[in-house]
């Protein structure tokens, strides 16, 4: 393994996993391979690569905000089962 001493038992404990000794060996080898690959990636020269958040460009598909006519307060409350002072009255749910 690279410079990191990976303690599989500790990681399994943090993940609340019970591993057998065989599983610890298997997962330890797999995690070692992953960390080895990450170490290879660290050796790459990426100084000329521009940082990006996404591989493909994204665009915002929401419509622009604009003032438009709306329904009146009376019309909104017309079918309300309970109303008071121009507001909807709802049952209390927090004590």
Protein backbone atom coordinates (compact mmCIF):
# COMPACT_ATOMS: atom_id res chain seq x y z
CA UNK A 1 0.00 0.00 0.00
CA UNK A 2 1.12 3.59 -0.50
CA UNK A 3 2.20 5.85 2.36
CA UNK A 4 -1.10 5.30 4.15
CA UNK A 5 -1.49 2.54 6.69
CA UNK A 6 -5.12 1.62 6.16
CA UNK A 7 -6.81 0.07 9.19
CA UNK A 8 -9.72 -1.89 7.72
CA UNK A 9 -11.09 -2.81 11.16
CA UNK A 10 -11.29 0.88 12.10
CA UNK A 11 -13.00 1.85 8.85
CA UNK A 12 -15.46 -1.05 9.23
CA UNK A 13 -16.20 0.06 12.79
CA UNK A 14 -16.92 3.61 11.59
CA UNK A 15 -19.27 2.20 8.94
CA UNK A 16 -20.93 -0.05 11.55
CA UNK A 17 -19.94 -3.19 9.62
CA UNK A 18 -19.02 -6.55 11.06
CA UNK A 19 -16.40 -8.13 8.83
CA UNK A 20 -14.88 -11.57 8.97
CA UNK A 21 -11.11 -11.91 8.76
CA UNK A 22 -11.49 -13.04 5.14
CA UNK A 23 -13.58 -9.98 4.30
CA UNK A 24 -11.03 -7.71 6.01
CA UNK A 25 -8.29 -9.14 3.81
CA UNK A 26 -10.39 -8.82 0.66
CA UNK A 27 -11.58 -5.26 1.34
CA UNK A 28 -8.13 -4.21 2.56
CA UNK A 29 -6.62 -5.32 -0.76
CA UNK A 30 -9.38 -3.55 -2.72
CA UNK A 31 -8.99 -0.32 -0.75
CA UNK A 32 -5.25 -0.54 -1.22
CA UNK A 33 -5.75 -0.74 -4.99
CA UNK A 34 -8.06 2.29 -4.91
CA UNK A 35 -5.54 4.30 -2.89
CA UNK A 36 -2.77 3.20 -5.26
CA UNK A 37 -4.77 4.46 -8.22
CA UNK A 38 -5.39 7.77 -6.46
CA UNK A 39 -1.65 8.05 -5.88
CA UNK A 40 -1.08 7.57 -9.63
CA UNK A 41 -3.58 10.36 -10.33
CA UNK A 42 -1.72 12.67 -7.95
CA UNK A 43 1.42 12.26 -10.08
CA UNK A 44 -0.27 13.71 -13.17
CA UNK A 45 0.63 17.25 -14.23
CA UNK A 46 -2.68 19.11 -14.37
CA UNK A 47 -1.24 22.62 -14.12
CA UNK A 48 -2.40 23.43 -17.66
CA UNK A 49 -5.93 22.03 -17.15
CA UNK A 50 -8.59 24.61 -16.41
CA UNK A 51 -10.72 23.69 -13.37
CA UNK A 52 -14.34 22.88 -14.15
CA UNK A 53 -17.33 21.96 -12.06
CA UNK A 54 -19.02 19.94 -14.84
CA UNK A 55 -17.76 18.06 -17.86
CA UNK A 56 -20.47 19.59 -20.03
CA UNK A 57 -21.77 23.17 -19.96
CA UNK A 58 -24.91 23.79 -17.98
CA UNK A 59 -27.50 26.46 -18.56
CA UNK A 60 -30.27 27.69 -16.32
CA UNK A 61 -33.64 26.77 -17.80
CA UNK A 62 -35.79 28.85 -15.47
CA UNK A 63 -37.75 31.76 -16.84
CA UNK A 64 -36.75 35.31 -15.93
CA UNK A 65 -38.58 36.95 -13.06
CA UNK A 66 -41.19 39.41 -14.21
CA UNK A 67 -44.20 41.05 -12.61
CA UNK A 68 -47.45 39.58 -13.93
CA UNK A 69 -51.08 39.98 -12.90
CA UNK A 70 -52.33 37.61 -10.22
CA UNK A 71 -55.68 36.64 -8.72
CA UNK A 72 -57.14 38.85 -6.03
CA UNK A 73 -57.08 37.99 -2.36
CA UNK A 74 -60.87 37.57 -2.32
CA UNK A 75 -60.75 35.18 -5.27
CA UNK A 76 -58.00 33.11 -3.63
CA UNK A 77 -60.01 32.80 -0.40
CA UNK A 78 -63.35 32.15 -2.14
CA UNK A 79 -63.34 28.35 -1.54
CA UNK A 80 -61.38 28.38 1.73
CA UNK A 81 -63.11 26.34 4.46
CA UNK A 82 -61.98 28.89 7.09
CA UNK A 83 -60.66 32.42 6.69
CA UNK A 84 -60.02 35.45 8.89
CA UNK A 85 -58.61 38.92 8.21
CA UNK A 86 -57.86 38.02 4.60
CA UNK A 87 -55.87 34.88 5.52
CA UNK A 88 -56.42 31.13 5.42
CA UNK A 89 -57.18 29.66 8.85
CA UNK A 90 -55.59 26.23 9.39
CA UNK A 91 -55.49 23.87 12.37
CA UNK A 92 -52.65 24.37 14.82
CA UNK A 93 -50.09 21.61 14.40
CA UNK A 94 -47.30 22.80 16.74
CA UNK A 95 -47.82 22.92 20.46
